């Protein structure tokens, strides 16, 4: 069914949004002076002991109930509440095992990765954040296996996190929406991405850029925005030029965003 949206075909949605909807935009830092660095080892131990006592069946190792880095991150996410961190960790650890995150590899996602729909950029942005780029026009839910899409998504998040420099904790997500059409719309996958970002990799996305969004993207954004809740403040609608000028140097800008 054709969408009658009242603007010429190809009109940029990011310009329309700027005029009609105030876009809250913030580069949220994972660092917070109120977080108790001195108490962290003690709180990590409390979480580990509680998980071992109350949820002994949860796996151990990377992304497991004894993973200090993961525990510390969830403590930060839950403002250092041990009980709240344990609740969220229990869900995340179980999901990591059931999803098979540790089994994902370049080879296991090669087929879907060759579509070029998403990848981790070779360089960091100007804030030293790893960059995950999505070319939305190459996402074809009618043709691609949704399970493979999910595996690619998680693999790339893990890959981006593995590129974090010392002292950095968040990544930049760039959704290139040029040439986006109704055939690329996939609410199911977007809901999966939101769940992944909130429950399993909380606050790892420091900022999300929606680049040159066409007006046809408006109804999708109106559906997704309420689901994002406070995470909507991480979204910035912008142009290709903004990406090139504000987020990268001439030497590090992705090829798609060069002049």
Protein backbone atom coordinates (compact mmCIF):
# COMPACT_ATOMS: atom_id res chain seq x y z
CA UNK A 1 0.00 0.00 0.00
CA UNK A 2 1.42 3.38 -0.96
CA UNK A 3 2.13 5.82 1.83
CA UNK A 4 0.68 9.29 1.31
CA UNK A 5 2.91 11.43 3.48
CA UNK A 6 2.55 14.85 1.94
CA UNK A 7 6.18 15.47 0.97
CA UNK A 8 7.98 14.92 -2.34
CA UNK A 9 9.54 11.51 -2.84
CA UNK A 10 13.11 11.49 -1.53
CA UNK A 11 12.55 14.36 0.90
CA UNK A 12 14.96 14.03 3.80
CA UNK A 13 13.18 13.06 7.01
CA UNK A 14 15.97 14.37 9.27
CA UNK A 15 15.24 17.90 8.08
CA UNK A 16 11.52 17.43 8.69
CA UNK A 17 12.11 16.08 12.19
CA UNK A 18 14.29 19.01 13.09
CA UNK A 19 11.40 21.34 12.33
CA UNK A 20 8.61 19.41 13.99
CA UNK A 21 10.03 17.29 16.78
CA UNK A 22 12.70 18.41 19.21
CA UNK A 23 15.42 15.77 18.98
CA UNK A 24 17.14 15.27 22.28
CA UNK A 25 20.79 14.56 21.60
CA UNK A 26 23.51 13.76 24.08
CA UNK A 27 26.84 12.02 23.97
CA UNK A 28 26.28 9.95 27.08
CA UNK A 29 29.49 9.01 28.82
CA UNK A 30 29.75 5.78 30.75
CA UNK A 31 32.06 7.53 33.17
CA UNK A 32 30.36 9.08 36.19
CA UNK A 33 32.16 10.59 39.15
CA UNK A 34 29.41 9.38 41.47
CA UNK A 35 30.19 5.72 40.74
CA UNK A 36 32.21 4.21 43.62
CA UNK A 37 35.52 3.06 42.13
CA UNK A 38 37.00 2.14 45.53
CA UNK A 39 34.02 -0.05 46.40
CA UNK A 40 33.86 -1.77 43.00
CA UNK A 41 35.93 -4.90 43.85
CA UNK A 42 33.83 -5.51 46.94
CA UNK A 43 30.56 -5.09 45.04
CA UNK A 44 31.76 -7.33 42.23
CA UNK A 45 32.50 -10.04 44.78
CA UNK A 46 29.06 -9.62 46.33
CA UNK A 47 27.43 -10.07 42.93
CA UNK A 48 29.54 -13.13 42.13
CA UNK A 49 28.72 -14.75 45.45
CA UNK A 50 25.02 -14.01 45.07
CA UNK A 51 24.94 -15.40 41.52
CA UNK A 52 26.82 -18.53 42.58
CA UNK A 53 24.53 -19.06 45.55
CA UNK A 54 21.19 -18.27 43.92
CA UNK A 55 21.86 -19.21 40.29
CA UNK A 56 24.56 -21.91 40.28
CA UNK A 57 23.42 -23.29 36.92
CA UNK A 58 24.53 -20.14 35.09
CA UNK A 59 27.69 -20.72 33.07
CA UNK A 60 31.09 -19.34 34.00
CA UNK A 61 33.82 -17.74 31.88
CA UNK A 62 33.41 -14.87 29.41
CA UNK A 63 29.94 -13.33 29.73
CA UNK A 64 29.31 -15.70 32.64
CA UNK A 65 28.52 -15.33 36.33
CA UNK A 66 32.19 -14.94 37.26
CA UNK A 67 33.11 -12.44 34.49
CA UNK A 68 34.39 -9.44 36.47
CA UNK A 69 34.22 -7.02 33.54
CA UNK A 70 30.64 -7.95 32.72
CA UNK A 71 29.61 -7.73 36.37
CA UNK A 72 31.21 -4.32 36.76
CA UNK A 73 29.43 -3.01 33.67
CA UNK A 74 26.04 -4.18 34.91
CA UNK A 75 26.76 -2.69 38.33
CA UNK A 76 27.39 0.63 36.61
CA UNK A 77 24.22 0.24 34.57
CA UNK A 78 22.21 -0.40 37.75
CA UNK A 79 23.94 2.45 39.64
CA UNK A 80 25.84 -0.05 41.79
CA UNK A 81 22.79 -1.74 43.25
CA UNK A 82 23.87 -5.34 43.82
CA UNK A 83 20.33 -6.72 43.79
CA UNK A 84 19.35 -4.85 40.61
CA UNK A 85 22.58 -5.86 38.89
CA UNK A 86 22.02 -9.51 39.78
CA UNK A 87 18.50 -9.43 38.33
CA UNK A 88 19.68 -8.02 35.03
CA UNK A 89 22.81 -10.18 34.91
CA UNK A 90 20.80 -13.35 35.42
CA UNK A 91 18.79 -12.56 32.28
CA UNK A 92 21.83 -11.47 30.26
CA UNK A 93 24.05 -14.43 31.19
CA UNK A 94 21.31 -16.93 30.36
CA UNK A 95 20.67 -15.19 27.04
CA UNK A 96 24.37 -15.18 26.08
CA UNK A 97 24.53 -18.94 26.59
CA UNK A 98 21.23 -19.75 24.84
CA UNK A 99 22.02 -17.47 21.90
CA UNK A 100 25.47 -19.02 21.54
CA UNK A 101 27.39 -15.74 21.59
CA UNK A 102 30.70 -17.47 22.33
CA UNK A 103 30.24 -19.65 19.23
CA UNK A 104 29.87 -16.76 16.80
CA UNK A 105 32.79 -16.26 14.44
CA UNK A 106 33.72 -14.59 11.15
CA UNK A 107 33.08 -17.91 9.44
CA UNK A 108 29.69 -18.53 11.06
CA UNK A 109 28.28 -15.18 9.89
CA UNK A 110 30.17 -14.95 6.59
CA UNK A 111 27.14 -15.49 4.35
CA UNK A 112 25.00 -12.70 5.80
CA UNK A 113 28.01 -10.43 6.30
CA UNK A 114 28.77 -10.60 2.57
CA UNK A 115 25.57 -8.65 1.89
CA UNK A 116 27.46 -5.61 3.21
CA UNK A 117 24.46 -4.54 5.24
CA UNK A 118 26.46 -4.03 8.44
CA UNK A 119 30.10 -3.96 9.51
CA UNK A 120 32.55 -2.51 12.01
CA UNK A 121 34.56 0.39 10.60
CA UNK A 122 38.35 0.01 10.54
CA UNK A 123 38.92 3.28 12.42
CA UNK A 124 37.62 4.88 15.62
CA UNK A 125 35.64 8.12 15.55
CA UNK A 126 37.03 11.41 16.88
CA UNK A 127 35.93 10.42 20.41
CA UNK A 128 37.88 7.15 20.16
CA UNK A 129 34.76 5.02 19.89
CA UNK A 130 34.52 1.89 17.73
CA UNK A 131 31.99 2.43 14.93
CA UNK A 132 29.27 0.01 13.82
CA UNK A 133 27.78 0.98 10.44
CA UNK A 134 24.47 -0.27 9.02
CA UNK A 135 23.57 0.30 5.36
CA UNK A 136 19.81 0.04 5.68
CA UNK A 137 19.08 -0.20 1.95
CA UNK A 138 20.88 -3.56 1.89
CA UNK A 139 18.66 -5.03 4.61
CA UNK A 140 16.01 -7.13 2.85
CA UNK A 141 13.92 -8.99 5.44
CA UNK A 142 11.90 -10.78 2.75
CA UNK A 143 15.09 -12.37 1.41
CA UNK A 144 17.36 -12.74 4.45
CA UNK A 145 17.05 -15.24 7.31
CA UNK A 146 16.09 -13.27 10.44
CA UNK A 147 18.13 -15.61 12.65
CA UNK A 148 21.23 -14.88 10.56
CA UNK A 149 20.51 -11.15 10.85
CA UNK A 150 20.42 -11.47 14.63
CA UNK A 151 23.68 -13.41 14.70
CA UNK A 152 25.37 -10.76 12.55
CA UNK A 153 24.08 -8.03 14.85
CA UNK A 154 25.44 -9.64 18.01
CA UNK A 155 28.73 -10.64 16.39
CA UNK A 156 29.34 -7.06 15.28
CA UNK A 157 28.50 -5.64 18.70
CA UNK A 158 31.01 -8.04 20.25
CA UNK A 159 33.58 -7.14 17.59
CA UNK A 160 33.08 -3.41 18.19
CA UNK A 161 33.43 -3.84 21.96
CA UNK A 162 36.66 -5.79 21.43
CA UNK A 163 38.10 -2.68 19.72
CA UNK A 164 37.47 -0.39 22.69
CA UNK A 165 40.64 1.51 23.67
CA UNK A 166 41.66 1.56 27.33
CA UNK A 167 39.39 3.89 29.29
CA UNK A 168 36.61 3.85 26.66
CA UNK A 169 33.39 1.94 27.16
CA UNK A 170 30.91 2.87 24.44
CA UNK A 171 30.50 2.56 20.69
CA UNK A 172 28.98 4.71 17.94
CA UNK A 173 26.20 3.31 15.78
CA UNK A 174 25.60 4.78 12.32
CA UNK A 175 22.47 3.88 10.35
CA UNK A 176 22.92 5.04 6.77
CA UNK A 177 19.32 5.53 5.62
CA UNK A 178 20.03 6.78 2.11
CA UNK A 179 17.99 4.83 -0.44
CA UNK A 180 15.91 3.32 2.38
CA UNK A 181 12.53 2.05 1.17
CA UNK A 182 9.53 0.19 2.47
CA UNK A 183 11.14 -3.11 1.43
CA UNK A 184 13.89 -2.45 4.00
CA UNK A 185 11.53 -1.86 6.93
CA UNK A 186 11.82 -4.53 9.63
CA UNK A 187 10.11 -3.76 12.94
CA UNK A 188 10.82 -7.28 14.21
CA UNK A 189 14.56 -6.82 13.85
CA UNK A 190 14.46 -3.32 15.35
CA UNK A 191 12.71 -4.73 18.42
CA UNK A 192 15.42 -7.37 18.68
CA UNK A 193 18.08 -4.66 18.46
CA UNK A 194 16.36 -2.65 21.19
CA UNK A 195 16.21 -5.69 23.49
CA UNK A 196 19.86 -6.46 22.82
CA UNK A 197 20.85 -2.87 23.59
CA UNK A 198 18.81 -2.65 26.78
CA UNK A 199 19.00 -6.09 28.37
CA UNK A 200 22.23 -7.65 27.13
CA UNK A 201 24.56 -4.75 26.26
CA UNK A 202 23.12 -1.88 28.31
CA UNK A 203 24.51 1.60 27.66
CA UNK A 204 27.14 0.27 25.29
CA UNK A 205 25.75 2.43 22.50
CA UNK A 206 26.91 5.93 23.34
CA UNK A 207 25.22 7.52 20.35
CA UNK A 208 23.20 6.51 17.29
CA UNK A 209 23.19 8.50 14.04
CA UNK A 210 20.31 8.22 11.56
CA UNK A 211 21.87 9.58 8.37
CA UNK A 212 19.82 11.28 5.63
CA UNK A 213 16.59 9.56 6.64
CA UNK A 214 13.97 9.77 3.85
CA UNK A 215 10.45 10.79 4.75
CA UNK A 216 9.23 7.22 4.28
CA UNK A 217 11.17 6.42 7.47
CA UNK A 218 8.85 8.64 9.55
CA UNK A 219 6.15 6.03 10.36
CA UNK A 220 8.84 3.54 11.40
CA UNK A 221 10.44 6.08 13.72
CA UNK A 222 7.06 6.89 15.26
CA UNK A 223 6.59 3.19 16.04
CA UNK A 224 10.10 2.62 17.35
CA UNK A 225 10.66 5.80 19.35
CA UNK A 226 8.31 4.87 22.26
CA UNK A 227 10.02 1.47 22.53
CA UNK A 228 13.39 3.17 22.98
CA UNK A 229 12.21 5.12 26.04
CA UNK A 230 15.19 7.04 27.47
CA UNK A 231 17.45 5.57 24.79
CA UNK A 232 15.71 7.82 22.25
CA UNK A 233 17.91 10.62 23.58
CA UNK A 234 20.91 8.87 22.01
CA UNK A 235 19.50 9.28 18.51
CA UNK A 236 20.63 12.09 16.24
CA UNK A 237 19.16 12.65 12.79
CA UNK A 238 21.89 14.15 10.65
CA UNK A 239 23.36 14.41 7.17
CA UNK A 240 26.24 12.66 5.47
CA UNK A 241 28.21 15.89 5.71
CA UNK A 242 27.70 16.03 9.47
CA UNK A 243 29.08 12.52 9.83
CA UNK A 244 32.13 13.39 7.79
CA UNK A 245 32.80 16.75 9.42
CA UNK A 246 31.99 16.08 13.08
CA UNK A 247 32.78 12.43 13.71
CA UNK A 248 35.87 11.59 11.67
CA UNK A 249 39.09 13.03 10.34
CA UNK A 250 39.90 13.08 6.64
CA UNK A 251 42.00 9.96 7.14
CA UNK A 252 39.43 7.97 9.11
CA UNK A 253 36.08 8.84 7.52
CA UNK A 254 34.24 5.80 6.08
CA UNK A 255 34.26 5.66 2.28
CA UNK A 256 30.45 6.03 2.12
CA UNK A 257 30.62 9.40 3.84
CA UNK A 258 33.40 10.99 1.82
CA UNK A 259 32.65 13.78 -0.67
